[in-house]
Protein backbone atom coordinates (compact mmCIF):
# COMPACT_ATOMS: atom_id res chain seq x y z
CA UNK A 1 76.14 70.76 138.56
CA UNK A 2 74.29 73.21 136.34
CA UNK A 3 70.79 74.03 137.51
CA UNK A 4 67.92 75.29 135.47
CA UNK A 5 64.41 76.39 136.40
CA UNK A 6 61.65 75.54 137.00
CA UNK A 7 63.42 73.39 139.61
CA UNK A 8 60.45 71.09 140.30
CA UNK A 9 60.01 70.24 136.62
CA UNK A 10 63.70 69.33 136.41
CA UNK A 11 63.22 67.15 139.53
CA UNK A 12 65.73 68.92 141.75
CA UNK A 13 63.32 68.25 144.65
CA UNK A 14 60.24 66.12 145.20
CA UNK A 15 56.57 66.94 145.81
CA UNK A 16 56.92 67.01 149.60
CA UNK A 17 59.71 69.57 149.43
CA UNK A 18 57.73 71.62 146.90
CA UNK A 19 54.78 71.80 149.32
CA UNK A 20 57.05 72.99 152.13
CA UNK A 21 58.53 75.66 149.85
CA UNK A 22 55.04 76.72 148.71
CA UNK A 23 53.92 76.97 152.35
CA UNK A 24 56.89 79.18 153.24
CA UNK A 25 56.34 81.39 150.18
CA UNK A 26 52.63 81.64 151.04
CA UNK A 27 53.40 82.85 154.57
CA UNK A 28 55.90 85.40 153.24
CA UNK A 29 53.37 86.58 150.64
CA UNK A 30 50.67 86.95 153.31
CA UNK A 31 53.00 89.01 155.51
CA UNK A 32 53.87 91.22 152.54
CA UNK A 33 50.17 91.75 151.77
CA UNK A 34 49.42 92.68 155.38
CA UNK A 35 52.40 95.05 155.57
CA UNK A 36 51.17 96.67 152.36
CA UNK A 37 47.74 97.27 153.88
CA UNK A 38 46.01 94.66 151.75
CA UNK A 39 44.41 93.07 154.79
CA UNK A 40 41.97 95.97 155.11
CA UNK A 41 38.83 96.12 152.97
CA UNK A 42 38.74 99.93 153.02
CA UNK A 43 42.09 100.17 151.25
CA UNK A 44 41.21 97.47 148.72
CA UNK A 45 37.79 98.93 147.92
CA UNK A 46 39.07 102.51 147.69
CA UNK A 47 40.71 101.76 144.32
CA UNK A 48 37.22 101.47 142.81
CA UNK A 49 36.53 105.02 143.99
CA UNK A 50 39.93 106.23 142.68
CA UNK A 51 40.87 107.57 146.12
CA UNK A 52 43.69 105.12 146.84
CA UNK A 53 45.22 103.24 143.91
CA UNK A 54 47.72 101.30 146.00
CA UNK A 55 46.38 97.93 144.84
CA UNK A 56 46.82 98.74 141.15
CA UNK A 57 50.32 100.09 141.72
CA UNK A 58 51.48 97.11 143.79
CA UNK A 59 49.94 94.52 141.47
CA UNK A 60 51.40 96.13 138.34
CA UNK A 61 54.78 96.32 140.08
CA UNK A 62 54.57 92.62 140.95
CA UNK A 63 53.48 91.67 137.42
CA UNK A 64 56.23 93.68 135.72
CA UNK A 65 58.91 92.47 138.15
CA UNK A 66 57.97 88.81 137.66
CA UNK A 67 57.62 89.25 133.92
CA UNK A 68 60.99 90.94 133.48
CA UNK A 69 62.65 88.41 135.75
CA UNK A 70 61.26 85.42 133.87
CA UNK A 71 62.00 86.97 130.49
CA UNK A 72 65.65 87.80 131.16
CA UNK A 73 66.25 84.50 132.98
CA UNK A 74 64.88 82.75 129.89
CA UNK A 75 67.12 84.82 127.63
CA UNK A 76 70.24 83.66 129.49
CA UNK A 77 68.94 80.09 129.44
CA UNK A 78 68.26 79.69 133.15
CA UNK A 79 64.46 79.30 132.88
CA UNK A 80 62.70 77.12 130.33
CA UNK A 81 59.45 79.03 129.76
CA UNK A 82 57.92 76.05 127.95
CA UNK A 83 57.92 74.19 131.30
CA UNK A 84 56.24 76.99 133.29
CA UNK A 85 52.68 75.98 134.19
CA UNK A 86 49.90 77.78 132.33
CA UNK A 87 46.18 77.52 133.07
CA UNK A 88 44.31 76.36 130.00
CA UNK A 89 42.04 78.97 128.46
CA UNK A 90 38.26 78.77 128.13
CA UNK A 91 37.62 82.33 127.03
CA UNK A 92 33.93 83.06 127.67
CA UNK A 93 33.64 81.13 130.97
CA UNK A 94 36.77 82.91 132.21
CA UNK A 95 35.36 86.32 131.24
CA UNK A 96 32.11 85.57 133.07
CA UNK A 97 34.02 84.21 136.08
CA UNK A 98 36.22 87.30 136.14
CA UNK A 99 33.17 89.58 136.13
CA UNK A 100 31.57 87.62 138.98
CA UNK A 101 34.80 87.73 140.98
CA UNK A 102 35.14 91.46 140.27
CA UNK A 103 31.63 92.18 141.52
CA UNK A 104 32.37 90.16 144.64
CA UNK A 105 35.57 92.15 145.12
CA UNK A 106 33.71 95.47 144.88
CA UNK A 107 30.91 94.39 147.22
CA UNK A 108 33.01 92.58 149.81
CA UNK A 109 36.21 94.59 149.63
CA UNK A 110 38.38 91.49 149.43
CA UNK A 111 39.69 88.94 146.95
CA UNK A 112 40.19 85.31 148.09
CA UNK A 113 43.86 85.85 148.98
CA UNK A 114 43.48 89.13 150.86
CA UNK A 115 40.46 87.78 152.75
CA UNK A 116 42.68 85.03 154.21
CA UNK A 117 45.26 87.63 155.22
CA UNK A 118 42.53 89.66 156.91
CA UNK A 119 41.24 86.58 158.77
CA UNK A 120 44.76 85.93 160.06
CA UNK A 121 44.71 89.39 161.65
CA UNK A 122 41.24 88.96 163.16
CA UNK A 123 39.03 90.91 160.72
CA UNK A 124 35.37 89.91 161.27
CA UNK A 125 34.25 91.22 157.88
CA UNK A 126 36.78 88.90 156.24
CA UNK A 127 35.29 85.94 158.09
CA UNK A 128 31.86 86.87 156.70
CA UNK A 129 33.38 87.27 153.23
CA UNK A 130 35.02 83.83 153.32
CA UNK A 131 31.81 82.22 154.57
CA UNK A 132 30.04 83.78 151.60
CA UNK A 133 32.77 82.50 149.30
CA UNK A 134 32.42 78.98 150.69
CA UNK A 135 28.65 79.19 150.20
CA UNK A 136 29.24 80.32 146.61
CA UNK A 137 31.54 77.35 146.01
CA UNK A 138 28.83 75.02 147.36
CA UNK A 139 26.18 76.59 145.10
CA UNK A 140 28.53 76.33 142.11
CA UNK A 141 29.14 72.66 142.86
CA UNK A 142 25.42 71.97 143.05
CA UNK A 143 24.78 73.87 139.81
CA UNK A 144 27.74 72.41 137.93
CA UNK A 145 25.89 69.59 136.10
CA UNK A 146 23.58 72.16 134.50
CA UNK A 147 26.39 74.56 133.50
CA UNK A 148 29.11 72.02 132.68
CA UNK A 149 28.81 72.57 128.92
CA UNK A 150 29.25 76.32 129.36
CA UNK A 151 32.12 75.77 131.81
CA UNK A 152 34.03 73.74 129.21
CA UNK A 153 33.11 75.91 126.23
CA UNK A 154 35.50 78.09 124.26
CA UNK A 155 38.49 75.84 124.92
CA UNK A 156 41.67 77.34 123.46
CA UNK A 157 44.39 75.29 125.15
CA UNK A 158 47.46 76.99 126.61
CA UNK A 159 47.33 80.47 125.10
CA UNK A 160 49.73 83.36 125.63
CA UNK A 161 49.59 86.86 124.14
CA UNK A 162 52.79 86.31 122.11
CA UNK A 163 51.53 83.02 120.63
CA UNK A 164 47.98 84.24 119.97
CA UNK A 165 49.02 87.47 118.22
CA UNK A 166 52.25 86.01 116.77
CA UNK A 167 54.40 88.58 118.58
CA UNK A 168 57.84 88.22 120.12
CA UNK A 169 58.07 87.88 123.90
CA UNK A 170 60.40 90.86 124.01
CA UNK A 171 57.86 93.11 122.30
CA UNK A 172 55.05 91.99 124.60
CA UNK A 173 57.26 92.62 127.65
CA UNK A 174 58.02 96.13 126.36
CA UNK A 175 54.32 96.87 125.73
CA UNK A 176 53.30 95.65 129.18
CA UNK A 177 55.96 97.84 130.79
CA UNK A 178 54.60 100.83 128.85
CA UNK A 179 51.07 99.91 129.96
CA UNK A 180 52.22 99.73 133.58
CA UNK A 181 53.86 103.16 133.34
CA UNK A 182 50.66 104.55 131.83
CA UNK A 183 48.60 102.95 134.61
CA UNK A 184 50.86 104.48 137.26
CA UNK A 185 50.55 107.93 135.72
CA UNK A 186 46.76 107.58 135.40
CA UNK A 187 46.50 106.33 138.99
CA UNK A 188 48.49 109.28 140.33
CA UNK A 189 46.35 111.69 138.30
CA UNK A 190 43.13 110.04 139.49
CA UNK A 191 44.17 110.16 143.15
CA UNK A 192 45.07 113.86 142.92
CA UNK A 193 41.83 114.61 141.08
CA UNK A 194 39.71 112.84 143.70
CA UNK A 195 41.67 114.44 146.55
CA UNK A 196 41.10 117.89 145.05
CA UNK A 197 37.41 117.13 144.55
CA UNK A 198 37.11 115.89 148.12
CA UNK A 199 38.81 119.05 149.35
CA UNK A 200 36.35 121.24 147.46
CA UNK A 201 33.41 119.32 148.90
CA UNK A 202 34.74 119.73 152.42
CA UNK A 203 35.35 123.40 151.84
């Protein structure tokens, strides 16, 4: 029998099996994050000081790998990209939410995912971070009636870069790969620059 992805959308397995698979993938992802050092706030926060750009490099590698994989699997007809889940876009609320999350990342040294990894390895600062996150969720829930209109504003539906700018997927993939290469080069340059600066200060 021919099989095509996404498997769940084509009903090759049910919801219960999908949850088990998601659980297993989540554990594997958490182990990978910990092995990569992403369970330590010092490493995560150091990217904002340009002293250790590991996070940027790993995330760009993951993005490009997933993007190339999906693109070429769609080209050969194995993946139907129209069935891949996309979060609907509300532009301004998402921009504001991204800024708030970014500030929280800088201050706390974790994102929601890495904080859970850090808790699993016994990091006390991660426990404090998650408690703060839970408190923030509670405050958001209490405030929601007064900000609901803003939360739902700027609705654009399911938007992708190719559809919005009327570009081919192949071109967008190529441009993102170029951007990733540029980011890697800039990250390496920034790390060397900061290391040299740090060396001069110590001297």
